[in-house]
Amino acid sequence: MTRGPRRNHSLAFKANVALAALKGKQTLAELAQIYDVHPQGFGLAGGHHA
């Protein structure tokens, strides 16, 4: 199995994804699909961020 290259996201992209997650209008799974990222990449999925 070969992996593709790691993607480096810009700070602006990360900020847009974070703002969308904080708004809470969509689930993390929906946001992951919209922004083409893995749900664990949000850092909120672990539940230890209060």
Protein backbone atom coordinates (compact mmCIF):
# COMPACT_ATOMS: atom_id res chain seq x y z
CA MET A 1 0.00 0.00 0.00
CA THR A 2 1.43 3.35 -0.99
CA ARG A 3 0.59 6.58 0.69
CA GLY A 4 0.21 9.91 -0.99
CA PRO A 5 2.31 12.85 0.12
CA ARG A 6 1.38 14.59 3.35
CA ARG A 7 -0.60 17.73 2.80
CA ASN A 8 0.39 20.97 4.47
CA HIS A 9 -2.61 23.19 5.10
CA SER A 10 -2.26 26.95 5.29
CA LEU A 11 -3.12 28.85 8.45
CA ALA A 12 -6.07 30.43 6.66
CA PHE A 13 -7.48 26.99 5.77
CA LYS A 14 -7.01 25.79 9.35
CA ALA A 15 -8.72 28.91 10.68
CA ASN A 16 -11.71 28.42 8.36
CA VAL A 17 -12.08 24.79 9.42
CA ALA A 18 -11.76 25.70 13.10
CA LEU A 19 -14.38 28.45 12.84
CA ALA A 20 -16.77 26.09 11.08
CA ALA A 21 -16.24 23.51 13.84
CA LEU A 22 -16.83 26.07 16.58
CA LYS A 23 -20.09 27.24 14.99
CA GLY A 24 -21.44 23.74 15.58
CA LYS A 25 -23.90 23.74 12.68
CA GLN A 26 -22.40 20.53 11.28
CA THR A 27 -20.91 17.45 12.83
CA LEU A 28 -17.16 16.82 12.72
CA ALA A 29 -17.76 14.01 10.25
CA GLU A 30 -19.65 16.37 7.94
CA LEU A 31 -16.94 19.01 8.21
CA ALA A 32 -14.26 16.41 7.52
CA GLN A 33 -16.05 15.43 4.35
CA ILE A 34 -16.57 19.06 3.26
CA TYR A 35 -12.95 20.07 3.86
CA ASP A 36 -11.48 16.69 2.78
CA VAL A 37 -9.64 16.05 6.03
CA HIS A 38 -9.72 13.21 8.57
CA PRO A 39 -12.10 13.77 11.53
CA GLN A 40 -9.30 13.11 14.03
CA GLY A 41 -7.44 16.08 12.56
CA PHE A 42 -9.81 18.45 14.32
CA GLY A 43 -8.33 17.77 17.72
CA LEU A 44 -11.77 18.09 19.27
CA ALA A 45 -12.73 14.46 18.67
CA GLY A 46 -10.86 13.20 21.73
CA GLY A 47 -13.27 14.91 24.08
CA HIS A 48 -10.54 16.18 26.42
CA HIS A 49 -10.84 19.81 25.27
CA ALA A 50 -13.19 21.68 27.53
